[in-house]
Amino acid sequence: MKNLVVIMVLSVFMMSCNNAQKKDFSVLNTQKEANTHPGKKLMEINCYTCHSPSASQEDRIGPPMIAIKKHYIDANTTKEEFIAAMQFWIKKPNAQDAKMFGAVKRFGVMPKQAFPEETIAKIADYMFDYDIDQPDWFEAHFNEENGNHKGNRNKNNVNQQQTEVNFKDLPYAERGLKYALTTKAVLGKNLMGTIQKKGTIEALAFCNEKAYPLTDSMSVVNNATIKRVSDKPRNQNNLANYKELTYINSFKNNIKNNKEPKPIVELSDTKVHVYYPIITNAMCLQCHGTPNQDIQRPTLDKLASLYPQDKAIGYDVNQVRGVWAISFDK
């Protein structure tokens, strides 16, 4: 009888261990699927300048992506409905159709941007199927906003599950892209924050005085050389060389053919060079669009005084304005 009890206890213990191992495997599997889903990278590339999960509550220029998910998805929402809602909003953002009235009141309606439908579908697919990164402050904020002061934190949130990835462990293309995107996020947050708070004229002053130092500081942080170059530069120091012009034209063909651009990687003996396009959106046109149509006269006058040789005008949305040129050691 005693031996039978021991056997039963051991059996229960072994079953418990097996279940724990299966659960751990399932969690790791979910992590891997989330990290490799194409929508995750597309969301980081296209959305995080304004909707970053790392920005503080006070220092934001748009709601985090988790807030969008929470407002658009409930227990009865299907994936197809969510994707369709995202497609509809991106094609025609406006205050009347907004579901996030608080965000519109604080940040305004997001500028219209031209994204391929496939890109939005992949981002929405990722958002629907996986828990996405969220700011530390968001859970308490959301619960207070919705009258739930007890908290409702998901213990299996992928934000907690996913391990931080060292940039140096990434493939070269992804590593270069990360350097470009983190720099873009810093510049974009400061630039658009200045536009919202002080207007376009002050934003020009910011670009003239702060863009280079901020970019250089990100180069130091990442131990890489980070540049923005163009075939139609505003500052002549940003003029693309022959090789960079070739890549700019290649990216222009991608956009013209409605293809999602991918980083271009070039290797030398000791260095890695990565190139990725800078693409215009509606916000860009305030300073880079058509004179006297998108760019108002006071802005044109300020541009003329700051950049006498300015060529960076005449753009429409979803056009390649230049490339990020990133270099780092192998």
C-alpha atoms as a PDB file:
ATOM      1  CA  MET A   1       0.000   0.000   0.000  1.00  0.00           C
ATOM      2  CA  LYS A   2       2.832   2.350   0.911  1.00  0.00           C
ATOM      3  CA  ASN A   3       4.560   1.667  -2.413  1.00  0.00           C
ATOM      4  CA  LEU A   4       1.322   2.405  -4.266  1.00  0.00           C
ATOM      5  CA  VAL A   5       1.034   5.819  -2.601  1.00  0.00           C
ATOM      6  CA  VAL A   6       4.637   6.646  -3.526  1.00  0.00           C
ATOM      7  CA  ILE A   7       3.998   5.655  -7.131  1.00  0.00           C
ATOM      8  CA  MET A   8       0.861   7.809  -7.279  1.00  0.00           C
ATOM      9  CA  VAL A   9       2.708  10.821  -5.844  1.00  0.00           C
ATOM     10  CA  LEU A  10       5.543  10.386  -8.343  1.00  0.00           C
ATOM     11  CA  SER A  11       3.045  10.081 -11.184  1.00  0.00           C
ATOM     12  CA  VAL A  12       1.295  13.285 -10.202  1.00  0.00           C
ATOM     13  CA  PHE A  13       4.659  15.038  -9.887  1.00  0.00           C
ATOM     14  CA  MET A  14       5.786  13.841 -13.318  1.00  0.00           C
ATOM     15  CA  MET A  15       2.491  14.896 -14.897  1.00  0.00           C
ATOM     16  CA  SER A  16       2.836  18.304 -13.270  1.00  0.00           C
ATOM     17  CA  CYS A  17       6.376  18.663 -14.635  1.00  0.00           C
ATOM     18  CA  ASN A  18       5.258  17.632 -18.110  1.00  0.00           C
ATOM     19  CA  ASN A  19       2.408  20.141 -18.039  1.00  0.00           C
ATOM     20  CA  ALA A  20       4.802  22.888 -16.902  1.00  0.00           C
ATOM     21  CA  GLN A  21       7.227  21.990 -19.701  1.00  0.00           C
ATOM     22  CA  LYS A  22       4.413  22.047 -22.257  1.00  0.00           C
ATOM     23  CA  LYS A  23       3.272  25.425 -20.930  1.00  0.00           C
ATOM     24  CA  ASP A  24       6.819  26.824 -21.116  1.00  0.00           C
ATOM     25  CA  PHE A  25       7.177  25.458 -24.652  1.00  0.00           C
ATOM     26  CA  SER A  26       3.846  27.023 -25.596  1.00  0.00           C
ATOM     27  CA  VAL A  27       4.929  30.415 -24.206  1.00  0.00           C
ATOM     28  CA  LEU A  28       8.259  30.256 -26.057  1.00  0.00           C
ATOM     29  CA  ASN A  29       6.456  29.242 -29.207  1.00  0.00           C
ATOM     30  CA  THR A  30       4.131  32.233 -28.875  1.00  0.00           C
ATOM     31  CA  GLN A  31       7.115  34.512 -28.315  1.00  0.00           C
ATOM     32  CA  LYS A  32       8.820  33.206 -31.443  1.00  0.00           C
ATOM     33  CA  GLU A  33       5.677  33.548 -33.544  1.00  0.00           C
ATOM     34  CA  ALA A  34       5.094  37.101 -32.315  1.00  0.00           C
ATOM     35  CA  ASN A  35       8.693  38.185 -32.904  1.00  0.00           C
ATOM     36  CA  THR A  36       8.798  36.741 -36.435  1.00  0.00           C
ATOM     37  CA  HIS A  37       5.335  37.865 -37.545  1.00  0.00           C
ATOM     38  CA  PRO A  38       5.809  40.321 -40.471  1.00  0.00           C
ATOM     39  CA  GLY A  39       3.230  42.691 -38.975  1.00  0.00           C
ATOM     40  CA  LYS A  40       5.434  43.330 -35.924  1.00  0.00           C
ATOM     41  CA  LYS A  41       8.286  44.790 -37.954  1.00  0.00           C
ATOM     42  CA  LEU A  42       5.884  46.718 -40.206  1.00  0.00           C
ATOM     43  CA  MET A  43       4.245  48.236 -37.136  1.00  0.00           C
ATOM     44  CA  GLU A  44       7.628  49.315 -35.756  1.00  0.00           C
ATOM     45  CA  ILE A  45       8.618  50.830 -39.111  1.00  0.00           C
ATOM     46  CA  ASN A  46       5.386  52.612 -39.961  1.00  0.00           C
ATOM     47  CA  CYS A  47       3.708  53.383 -36.627  1.00  0.00           C
ATOM     48  CA  TYR A  48       6.200  53.837 -33.805  1.00  0.00           C
ATOM     49  CA  THR A  49       7.317  57.370 -34.660  1.00  0.00           C
ATOM     50  CA  CYS A  50       3.963  58.593 -33.326  1.00  0.00           C
ATOM     51  CA  HIS A  51       2.657  55.530 -31.471  1.00  0.00           C
ATOM     52  CA  SER A  52       5.775  54.291 -29.697  1.00  0.00           C
ATOM     53  CA  PRO A  53       5.259  52.105 -26.591  1.00  0.00           C
ATOM     54  CA  SER A  54       8.324  53.658 -24.943  1.00  0.00           C
ATOM     55  CA  ALA A  55       7.245  57.326 -24.890  1.00  0.00           C
ATOM     56  CA  SER A  56       6.058  58.714 -21.553  1.00  0.00           C
ATOM     57  CA  GLN A  57       2.411  59.617 -20.971  1.00  0.00           C
ATOM     58  CA  GLU A  58       3.208  63.336 -20.965  1.00  0.00           C
ATOM     59  CA  ASP A  59       5.672  63.320 -23.870  1.00  0.00           C
ATOM     60  CA  ARG A  60       3.535  61.684 -26.548  1.00  0.00           C
ATOM     61  CA  ILE A  61       2.366  62.801 -29.986  1.00  0.00           C
ATOM     62  CA  GLY A  62      -0.131  59.957 -30.456  1.00  0.00           C
ATOM     63  CA  PRO A  63      -1.727  57.129 -28.452  1.00  0.00           C
ATOM     64  CA  PRO A  64       0.214  53.851 -28.099  1.00  0.00           C
ATOM     65  CA  MET A  65      -0.786  50.990 -30.394  1.00  0.00           C
ATOM     66  CA  ILE A  66      -2.151  49.015 -27.434  1.00  0.00           C
ATOM     67  CA  ALA A  67      -4.713  51.807 -26.888  1.00  0.00           C
ATOM     68  CA  ILE A  68      -5.869  51.449 -30.492  1.00  0.00           C
ATOM     69  CA  LYS A  69      -6.232  47.707 -30.028  1.00  0.00           C
ATOM     70  CA  LYS A  70      -8.196  48.129 -26.787  1.00  0.00           C
ATOM     71  CA  HIS A  71     -10.627  50.609 -28.362  1.00  0.00           C
ATOM     72  CA  TYR A  72     -11.239  48.632 -31.541  1.00  0.00           C
ATOM     73  CA  ILE A  73     -11.383  45.040 -30.274  1.00  0.00           C
ATOM     74  CA  ASP A  74     -13.857  43.549 -27.829  1.00  0.00           C
ATOM     75  CA  ALA A  75     -15.087  40.005 -27.186  1.00  0.00           C
ATOM     76  CA  ASN A  76     -17.312  40.069 -30.269  1.00  0.00           C
ATOM     77  CA  THR A  77     -14.858  41.573 -32.772  1.00  0.00           C
ATOM     78  CA  THR A  78     -13.595  39.246 -35.506  1.00  0.00           C
ATOM     79  CA  LYS A  79     -10.173  39.579 -37.073  1.00  0.00           C
ATOM     80  CA  GLU A  80     -11.772  40.413 -40.424  1.00  0.00           C
ATOM     81  CA  GLU A  81     -13.782  43.231 -38.821  1.00  0.00           C
ATOM     82  CA  PHE A  82     -10.689  44.642 -37.123  1.00  0.00           C
ATOM     83  CA  ILE A  83      -8.609  44.584 -40.310  1.00  0.00           C
ATOM     84  CA  ALA A  84     -11.443  46.256 -42.227  1.00  0.00           C
ATOM     85  CA  ALA A  85     -11.763  48.946 -39.535  1.00  0.00           C
ATOM     86  CA  MET A  86      -8.029  49.679 -39.706  1.00  0.00           C
ATOM     87  CA  GLN A  87      -8.113  49.849 -43.507  1.00  0.00           C
ATOM     88  CA  PHE A  88     -11.094  52.235 -43.398  1.00  0.00           C
ATOM     89  CA  TRP A  89      -9.455  54.552 -40.869  1.00  0.00           C
ATOM     90  CA  ILE A  90      -6.096  54.716 -42.627  1.00  0.00           C
ATOM     91  CA  LYS A  91      -7.738  55.551 -45.956  1.00  0.00           C
ATOM     92  CA  LYS A  92      -9.799  58.373 -44.492  1.00  0.00           C
ATOM     93  CA  PRO A  93      -8.904  59.498 -40.955  1.00  0.00           C
ATOM     94  CA  ASN A  94     -11.479  62.023 -39.698  1.00  0.00           C
ATOM     95  CA  ALA A  95     -12.970  63.183 -36.411  1.00  0.00           C
ATOM     96  CA  GLN A  96     -16.518  61.980 -37.221  1.00  0.00           C
ATOM     97  CA  ASP A  97     -15.514  58.316 -37.605  1.00  0.00           C
ATOM     98  CA  ALA A  98     -13.014  58.271 -34.750  1.00  0.00           C
ATOM     99  CA  LYS A  99     -13.449  55.747 -31.940  1.00  0.00           C
ATOM    100  CA  MET A 100     -10.817  57.372 -29.744  1.00  0.00           C
ATOM    101  CA  PHE A 101     -12.337  60.768 -28.973  1.00  0.00           C
ATOM    102  CA  GLY A 102      -9.898  61.511 -26.155  1.00  0.00           C
ATOM    103  CA  ALA A 103      -6.930  60.902 -28.468  1.00  0.00           C
ATOM    104  CA  VAL A 104      -8.412  63.118 -31.183  1.00  0.00           C
ATOM    105  CA  LYS A 105      -9.025  65.882 -28.640  1.00  0.00           C
ATOM    106  CA  ARG A 106      -5.472  65.698 -27.334  1.00  0.00           C
ATOM    107  CA  PHE A 107      -3.457  64.902 -30.479  1.00  0.00           C
ATOM    108  CA  GLY A 108      -5.767  65.856 -33.333  1.00  0.00           C
ATOM    109  CA  VAL A 109      -6.749  63.567 -36.219  1.00  0.00           C
ATOM    110  CA  MET A 110      -3.752  61.634 -37.512  1.00  0.00           C
ATOM    111  CA  PRO A 111      -2.449  62.863 -40.889  1.00  0.00           C
ATOM    112  CA  LYS A 112      -3.539  60.846 -43.897  1.00  0.00           C
ATOM    113  CA  GLN A 113      -0.782  58.544 -45.081  1.00  0.00           C
ATOM    114  CA  ALA A 114      -0.495  56.240 -48.071  1.00  0.00           C
ATOM    115  CA  PHE A 115       0.126  52.660 -46.994  1.00  0.00           C
ATOM    116  CA  PRO A 116      -0.361  49.533 -49.128  1.00  0.00           C
ATOM    117  CA  GLU A 117      -3.463  47.622 -48.000  1.00  0.00           C
ATOM    118  CA  GLU A 118      -1.286  44.545 -47.517  1.00  0.00           C
ATOM    119  CA  THR A 119       0.869  46.435 -45.007  1.00  0.00           C
ATOM    120  CA  ILE A 120      -2.136  47.503 -42.925  1.00  0.00           C
ATOM    121  CA  ALA A 121      -3.585  43.980 -43.100  1.00  0.00           C
ATOM    122  CA  LYS A 122      -0.370  42.440 -41.744  1.00  0.00           C
ATOM    123  CA  ILE A 123      -0.083  44.994 -38.946  1.00  0.00           C
ATOM    124  CA  ALA A 124      -3.733  44.491 -37.953  1.00  0.00           C
ATOM    125  CA  ASP A 125      -3.332  40.701 -38.141  1.00  0.00           C
ATOM    126  CA  TYR A 126      -0.389  40.900 -35.725  1.00  0.00           C
ATOM    127  CA  MET A 127      -2.229  43.258 -33.380  1.00  0.00           C
ATOM    128  CA  PHE A 128      -5.288  41.009 -33.273  1.00  0.00           C
ATOM    129  CA  ASP A 129      -3.485  37.716 -32.631  1.00  0.00           C
ATOM    130  CA  TYR A 130      -0.795  38.773 -30.167  1.00  0.00           C
ATOM    131  CA  ASP A 131      -0.398  40.861 -27.035  1.00  0.00           C
ATOM    132  CA  ILE A 132       1.631  43.892 -28.092  1.00  0.00           C
ATOM    133  CA  ASP A 133       4.115  46.091 -26.263  1.00  0.00           C
ATOM    134  CA  GLN A 134       2.587  48.689 -23.998  1.00  0.00           C
ATOM    135  CA  PRO A 135       3.939  51.553 -21.847  1.00  0.00           C
ATOM    136  CA  ASP A 136       4.337  50.873 -18.138  1.00  0.00           C
ATOM    137  CA  TRP A 137       1.738  53.514 -17.321  1.00  0.00           C
ATOM    138  CA  PHE A 138      -0.911  52.309 -19.767  1.00  0.00           C
ATOM    139  CA  GLU A 139      -2.718  49.655 -17.711  1.00  0.00           C
ATOM    140  CA  ALA A 140      -3.497  52.019 -14.826  1.00  0.00           C
ATOM    141  CA  HIS A 141      -4.484  54.761 -17.263  1.00  0.00           C
ATOM    142  CA  PHE A 142      -6.812  52.479 -19.201  1.00  0.00           C
ATOM    143  CA  ASN A 143      -8.446  51.081 -16.065  1.00  0.00           C
ATOM    144  CA  GLU A 144      -9.022  54.580 -14.672  1.00  0.00           C
ATOM    145  CA  GLU A 145     -10.430  55.757 -18.000  1.00  0.00           C
ATOM    146  CA  ASN A 146     -12.853  52.841 -18.043  1.00  0.00           C
ATOM    147  CA  GLY A 147     -13.781  52.963 -14.339  1.00  0.00           C
ATOM    148  CA  ASN A 148     -11.946  49.768 -13.455  1.00  0.00           C
ATOM    149  CA  HIS A 149      -9.676  50.590 -10.520  1.00  0.00           C
ATOM    150  CA  LYS A 150      -9.000  46.989  -9.587  1.00  0.00           C
ATOM    151  CA  GLY A 151      -6.725  46.392 -12.544  1.00  0.00           C
ATOM    152  CA  ASN A 152      -6.963  43.790 -15.234  1.00  0.00           C
ATOM    153  CA  ARG A 153      -3.395  42.993 -16.165  1.00  0.00           C
ATOM    154  CA  ASN A 154      -2.856  40.027 -18.441  1.00  0.00           C
ATOM    155  CA  LYS A 155      -0.321  37.844 -16.692  1.00  0.00           C
ATOM    156  CA  ASN A 156       0.738  36.314 -19.981  1.00  0.00           C
ATOM    157  CA  ASN A 157       1.275  39.625 -21.767  1.00  0.00           C
ATOM    158  CA  VAL A 158       3.825  39.161 -24.500  1.00  0.00           C
ATOM    159  CA  ASN A 159       5.268  42.521 -23.484  1.00  0.00           C
ATOM    160  CA  GLN A 160       6.428  40.743 -20.331  1.00  0.00           C
ATOM    161  CA  GLN A 161       7.196  37.461 -22.091  1.00  0.00           C
ATOM    162  CA  GLN A 162       9.342  38.802 -24.894  1.00  0.00           C
ATOM    163  CA  THR A 163      12.986  39.120 -24.033  1.00  0.00           C
ATOM    164  CA  GLU A 164      14.868  42.228 -25.056  1.00  0.00           C
ATOM    165  CA  VAL A 165      16.876  41.599 -28.196  1.00  0.00           C
ATOM    166  CA  ASN A 166      20.391  42.972 -28.345  1.00  0.00           C
ATOM    167  CA  PHE A 167      20.723  44.870 -31.626  1.00  0.00           C
ATOM    168  CA  LYS A 168      24.127  43.254 -32.203  1.00  0.00           C
ATOM    169  CA  ASP A 169      22.495  39.826 -32.208  1.00  0.00           C
ATOM    170  CA  LEU A 170      20.199  40.733 -35.107  1.00  0.00           C
ATOM    171  CA  PRO A 171      20.875  40.008 -38.793  1.00  0.00           C
ATOM    172  CA  TYR A 172      22.617  42.929 -40.494  1.00  0.00           C
ATOM    173  CA  ALA A 173      19.504  44.190 -42.316  1.00  0.00           C
ATOM    174  CA  GLU A 174      17.391  44.208 -39.152  1.00  0.00           C
ATOM    175  CA  ARG A 175      20.183  45.736 -37.097  1.00  0.00           C
ATOM    176  CA  GLY A 176      20.608  48.621 -39.537  1.00  0.00           C
ATOM    177  CA  LEU A 177      16.855  49.074 -39.678  1.00  0.00           C
ATOM    178  CA  LYS A 178      16.641  49.233 -35.879  1.00  0.00           C
ATOM    179  CA  TYR A 179      19.305  51.953 -35.799  1.00  0.00           C
ATOM    180  CA  ALA A 180      17.387  53.932 -38.432  1.00  0.00           C
ATOM    181  CA  LEU A 181      14.019  53.489 -36.731  1.00  0.00           C
ATOM    182  CA  THR A 182      15.206  54.429 -33.248  1.00  0.00           C
ATOM    183  CA  THR A 183      16.801  57.580 -34.682  1.00  0.00           C
ATOM    184  CA  LYS A 184      13.675  58.315 -36.719  1.00  0.00           C
ATOM    185  CA  ALA A 185      11.567  57.937 -33.559  1.00  0.00           C
ATOM    186  CA  VAL A 186      13.726  60.419 -31.620  1.00  0.00           C
ATOM    187  CA  LEU A 187      13.720  62.972 -34.443  1.00  0.00           C
ATOM    188  CA  GLY A 188      10.033  62.432 -35.237  1.00  0.00           C
ATOM    189  CA  LYS A 189       8.891  62.760 -31.642  1.00  0.00           C
ATOM    190  CA  ASN A 190      10.754  66.040 -31.193  1.00  0.00           C
ATOM    191  CA  LEU A 191       9.816  67.437 -34.599  1.00  0.00           C
ATOM    192  CA  MET A 192       6.105  66.630 -34.481  1.00  0.00           C
ATOM    193  CA  GLY A 193       5.894  67.618 -30.854  1.00  0.00           C
ATOM    194  CA  THR A 194       7.309  71.024 -31.831  1.00  0.00           C
ATOM    195  CA  ILE A 195       4.821  71.332 -34.715  1.00  0.00           C
ATOM    196  CA  GLN A 196       1.889  70.547 -32.415  1.00  0.00           C
ATOM    197  CA  LYS A 197       2.981  72.849 -29.606  1.00  0.00           C
ATOM    198  CA  LYS A 198       4.707  75.736 -31.399  1.00  0.00           C
ATOM    199  CA  GLY A 199       3.867  75.493 -35.088  1.00  0.00           C
ATOM    200  CA  THR A 200       5.697  74.834 -38.349  1.00  0.00           C
ATOM    201  CA  ILE A 201       8.030  77.846 -38.175  1.00  0.00           C
ATOM    202  CA  GLU A 202       9.453  76.724 -34.838  1.00  0.00           C
ATOM    203  CA  ALA A 203       9.773  73.195 -36.210  1.00  0.00           C
ATOM    204  CA  LEU A 204      12.026  74.534 -38.966  1.00  0.00           C
ATOM    205  CA  ALA A 205      14.227  76.134 -36.336  1.00  0.00           C
ATOM    206  CA  PHE A 206      14.333  72.802 -34.518  1.00  0.00           C
ATOM    207  CA  CYS A 207      15.447  70.971 -37.691  1.00  0.00           C
ATOM    208  CA  ASN A 208      18.091  73.587 -38.389  1.00  0.00           C
ATOM    209  CA  GLU A 209      19.551  73.527 -34.882  1.00  0.00           C
ATOM    210  CA  LYS A 210      18.793  70.116 -33.379  1.00  0.00           C
ATOM    211  CA  ALA A 211      18.457  67.469 -36.118  1.00  0.00           C
ATOM    212  CA  TYR A 212      22.202  66.989 -36.607  1.00  0.00           C
ATOM    213  CA  PRO A 213      23.081  66.860 -32.878  1.00  0.00           C
ATOM    214  CA  LEU A 214      20.251  64.386 -32.182  1.00  0.00           C
ATOM    215  CA  THR A 215      21.305  62.167 -35.087  1.00  0.00           C
ATOM    216  CA  ASP A 216      24.937  62.308 -33.948  1.00  0.00           C
ATOM    217  CA  SER A 217      23.916  61.404 -30.400  1.00  0.00           C
ATOM    218  CA  MET A 218      22.087  58.324 -31.709  1.00  0.00           C
ATOM    219  CA  SER A 219      25.217  57.403 -33.680  1.00  0.00           C
ATOM    220  CA  VAL A 220      27.229  57.504 -30.459  1.00  0.00           C
ATOM    221  CA  VAL A 221      24.621  55.492 -28.528  1.00  0.00           C
ATOM    222  CA  ASN A 222      24.561  52.758 -31.182  1.00  0.00           C
ATOM    223  CA  ASN A 223      28.270  52.909 -32.084  1.00  0.00           C
ATOM    224  CA  ALA A 224      27.305  53.417 -35.718  1.00  0.00           C
ATOM    225  CA  THR A 225      27.386  56.110 -38.382  1.00  0.00           C
ATOM    226  CA  ILE A 226      23.824  57.306 -39.050  1.00  0.00           C
ATOM    227  CA  LYS A 227      23.063  59.738 -41.866  1.00  0.00           C
ATOM    228  CA  ARG A 228      20.088  60.971 -43.861  1.00  0.00           C
ATOM    229  CA  VAL A 229      20.889  61.737 -47.494  1.00  0.00           C
ATOM    230  CA  SER A 230      18.767  62.861 -50.440  1.00  0.00           C
ATOM    231  CA  ASP A 231      18.805  63.475 -54.180  1.00  0.00           C
ATOM    232  CA  LYS A 232      16.994  66.776 -53.407  1.00  0.00           C
ATOM    233  CA  PRO A 233      18.622  67.941 -50.162  1.00  0.00           C
ATOM    234  CA  ARG A 234      17.520  70.836 -48.004  1.00  0.00           C
ATOM    235  CA  ASN A 235      20.940  71.073 -46.448  1.00  0.00           C
ATOM    236  CA  GLN A 236      23.692  70.504 -49.015  1.00  0.00           C
ATOM    237  CA  ASN A 237      25.611  68.403 -46.487  1.00  0.00           C
ATOM    238  CA  ASN A 238      22.894  65.786 -47.022  1.00  0.00           C
ATOM    239  CA  LEU A 239      23.483  65.380 -50.762  1.00  0.00           C
ATOM    240  CA  ALA A 240      23.542  61.695 -51.744  1.00  0.00           C
ATOM    241  CA  ASN A 241      26.579  60.275 -53.505  1.00  0.00           C
ATOM    242  CA  TYR A 242      26.387  58.167 -56.675  1.00  0.00           C
ATOM    243  CA  LYS A 243      25.843  54.876 -54.859  1.00  0.00           C
ATOM    244  CA  GLU A 244      23.209  56.355 -52.558  1.00  0.00           C
ATOM    245  CA  LEU A 245      21.413  57.866 -55.567  1.00  0.00           C
ATOM    246  CA  THR A 246      21.214  54.368 -57.053  1.00  0.00           C
ATOM    247  CA  TYR A 247      19.537  53.080 -53.916  1.00  0.00           C
ATOM    248  CA  ILE A 248      17.165  56.051 -53.793  1.00  0.00           C
ATOM    249  CA  ASN A 249      16.013  55.269 -57.330  1.00  0.00           C
ATOM    250  CA  SER A 250      15.608  51.600 -56.411  1.00  0.00           C
ATOM    251  CA  PHE A 251      13.348  52.510 -53.497  1.00  0.00           C
ATOM    252  CA  LYS A 252      11.382  54.888 -55.717  1.00  0.00           C
ATOM    253  CA  ASN A 253      10.650  51.956 -58.024  1.00  0.00           C
ATOM    254  CA  ASN A 254       9.483  49.882 -55.026  1.00  0.00           C
ATOM    255  CA  ILE A 255       7.014  52.572 -53.974  1.00  0.00           C
ATOM    256  CA  LYS A 256       5.875  53.155 -57.561  1.00  0.00           C
ATOM    257  CA  ASN A 257       5.082  49.439 -57.870  1.00  0.00           C
ATOM    258  CA  ASN A 258       3.369  49.372 -54.455  1.00  0.00           C
ATOM    259  CA  LYS A 259       6.033  47.098 -52.931  1.00  0.00           C
ATOM    260  CA  GLU A 260       7.022  47.240 -49.286  1.00  0.00           C
ATOM    261  CA  PRO A 261      10.669  48.436 -49.297  1.00  0.00           C
ATOM    262  CA  LYS A 262      13.281  46.282 -47.588  1.00  0.00           C
ATOM    263  CA  PRO A 263      16.676  47.357 -46.259  1.00  0.00           C
ATOM    264  CA  ILE A 264      19.567  47.102 -48.706  1.00  0.00           C
ATOM    265  CA  VAL A 265      22.728  45.618 -47.186  1.00  0.00           C
ATOM    266  CA  GLU A 266      26.216  46.134 -48.564  1.00  0.00           C
ATOM    267  CA  LEU A 267      29.286  44.501 -47.006  1.00  0.00           C
ATOM    268  CA  SER A 268      32.935  45.596 -47.078  1.00  0.00           C
ATOM    269  CA  ASP A 269      35.919  43.951 -45.373  1.00  0.00           C
ATOM    270  CA  THR A 270      35.156  45.293 -41.903  1.00  0.00           C
ATOM    271  CA  LYS A 271      31.954  47.312 -42.274  1.00  0.00           C
ATOM    272  CA  VAL A 272      28.252  46.795 -42.872  1.00  0.00           C
ATOM    273  CA  HIS A 273      26.310  49.460 -44.785  1.00  0.00           C
ATOM    274  CA  VAL A 274      22.502  49.458 -44.636  1.00  0.00           C
ATOM    275  CA  TYR A 275      20.143  51.708 -46.600  1.00  0.00           C
ATOM    276  CA  TYR A 276      16.450  52.294 -45.993  1.00  0.00           C
ATOM    277  CA  PRO A 277      14.077  54.864 -47.566  1.00  0.00           C
ATOM    278  CA  ILE A 278      12.732  58.059 -46.008  1.00  0.00           C
ATOM    279  CA  ILE A 279       9.114  58.281 -47.190  1.00  0.00           C
ATOM    280  CA  THR A 280       6.862  61.331 -46.990  1.00  0.00           C
ATOM    281  CA  ASN A 281       3.499  61.509 -45.242  1.00  0.00           C
ATOM    282  CA  ALA A 282       0.944  64.304 -44.991  1.00  0.00           C
ATOM    283  CA  MET A 283       2.756  65.930 -42.064  1.00  0.00           C
ATOM    284  CA  CYS A 284       5.936  66.243 -44.160  1.00  0.00           C
ATOM    285  CA  LEU A 285       4.184  68.352 -46.783  1.00  0.00           C
ATOM    286  CA  GLN A 286       3.989  71.352 -44.457  1.00  0.00           C
ATOM    287  CA  CYS A 287       7.688  71.854 -45.175  1.00  0.00           C
ATOM    288  CA  HIS A 288       8.333  69.605 -48.197  1.00  0.00           C
ATOM    289  CA  GLY A 289       5.157  69.877 -50.299  1.00  0.00           C
ATOM    290  CA  THR A 290       4.064  72.281 -53.036  1.00  0.00           C
ATOM    291  CA  PRO A 291       4.910  75.974 -52.381  1.00  0.00           C
ATOM    292  CA  ASN A 292       1.868  78.206 -51.679  1.00  0.00           C
ATOM    293  CA  GLN A 293      -0.330  75.110 -51.555  1.00  0.00           C
ATOM    294  CA  ASP A 294       1.069  72.806 -48.874  1.00  0.00           C
ATOM    295  CA  ILE A 295       3.829  75.172 -47.753  1.00  0.00           C
ATOM    296  CA  GLN A 296       2.492  78.510 -46.552  1.00  0.00           C
ATOM    297  CA  ARG A 297       4.235  81.816 -47.351  1.00  0.00           C
ATOM    298  CA  PRO A 298       5.704  82.409 -43.846  1.00  0.00           C
ATOM    299  CA  THR A 299       7.188  78.900 -43.962  1.00  0.00           C
ATOM    300  CA  LEU A 300       8.615  79.508 -47.443  1.00  0.00           C
ATOM    301  CA  ASP A 301      10.230  82.741 -46.251  1.00  0.00           C
ATOM    302  CA  LYS A 302      11.775  80.963 -43.265  1.00  0.00           C
ATOM    303  CA  LEU A 303      13.051  78.151 -45.486  1.00  0.00           C
ATOM    304  CA  ALA A 304      14.645  80.670 -47.836  1.00  0.00           C
ATOM    305  CA  SER A 305      16.485  82.332 -44.956  1.00  0.00           C
ATOM    306  CA  LEU A 306      17.672  79.054 -43.368  1.00  0.00           C
ATOM    307  CA  TYR A 307      18.380  77.089 -46.549  1.00  0.00           C
ATOM    308  CA  PRO A 308      19.164  79.329 -49.559  1.00  0.00           C
ATOM    309  CA  GLN A 309      19.895  76.266 -51.746  1.00  0.00           C
ATOM    310  CA  ASP A 310      16.854  74.269 -50.646  1.00  0.00           C
ATOM    311  CA  LYS A 311      15.727  71.600 -53.114  1.00  0.00           C
ATOM    312  CA  ALA A 312      13.569  69.527 -50.756  1.00  0.00           C
ATOM    313  CA  ILE A 313      10.160  70.747 -51.930  1.00  0.00           C
ATOM    314  CA  GLY A 314       7.500  69.631 -54.389  1.00  0.00           C
ATOM    315  CA  TYR A 315       6.790  66.282 -52.762  1.00  0.00           C
ATOM    316  CA  ASP A 316       3.473  64.505 -52.425  1.00  0.00           C
ATOM    317  CA  VAL A 317       2.593  61.830 -49.855  1.00  0.00           C
ATOM    318  CA  ASN A 318       4.216  58.388 -50.122  1.00  0.00           C
ATOM    319  CA  GLN A 319       7.272  59.539 -52.065  1.00  0.00           C
ATOM    320  CA  VAL A 320      10.915  58.739 -51.378  1.00  0.00           C
ATOM    321  CA  ARG A 321      12.645  61.855 -50.050  1.00  0.00           C
ATOM    322  CA  GLY A 322      15.991  60.152 -49.459  1.00  0.00           C
ATOM    323  CA  VAL A 323      17.542  57.277 -47.534  1.00  0.00           C
ATOM    324  CA  TRP A 324      18.886  56.420 -44.150  1.00  0.00           C
ATOM    325  CA  ALA A 325      22.548  55.448 -44.623  1.00  0.00           C
ATOM    326  CA  ILE A 326      23.763  53.363 -41.672  1.00  0.00           C
ATOM    327  CA  SER A 327      27.295  51.996 -41.210  1.00  0.00           C
ATOM    328  CA  PHE A 328      28.645  49.840 -38.391  1.00  0.00           C
ATOM    329  CA  ASP A 329      31.372  47.282 -37.699  1.00  0.00           C
ATOM    330  CA  LYS A 330      30.837  43.649 -38.622  1.00  0.00           C
END
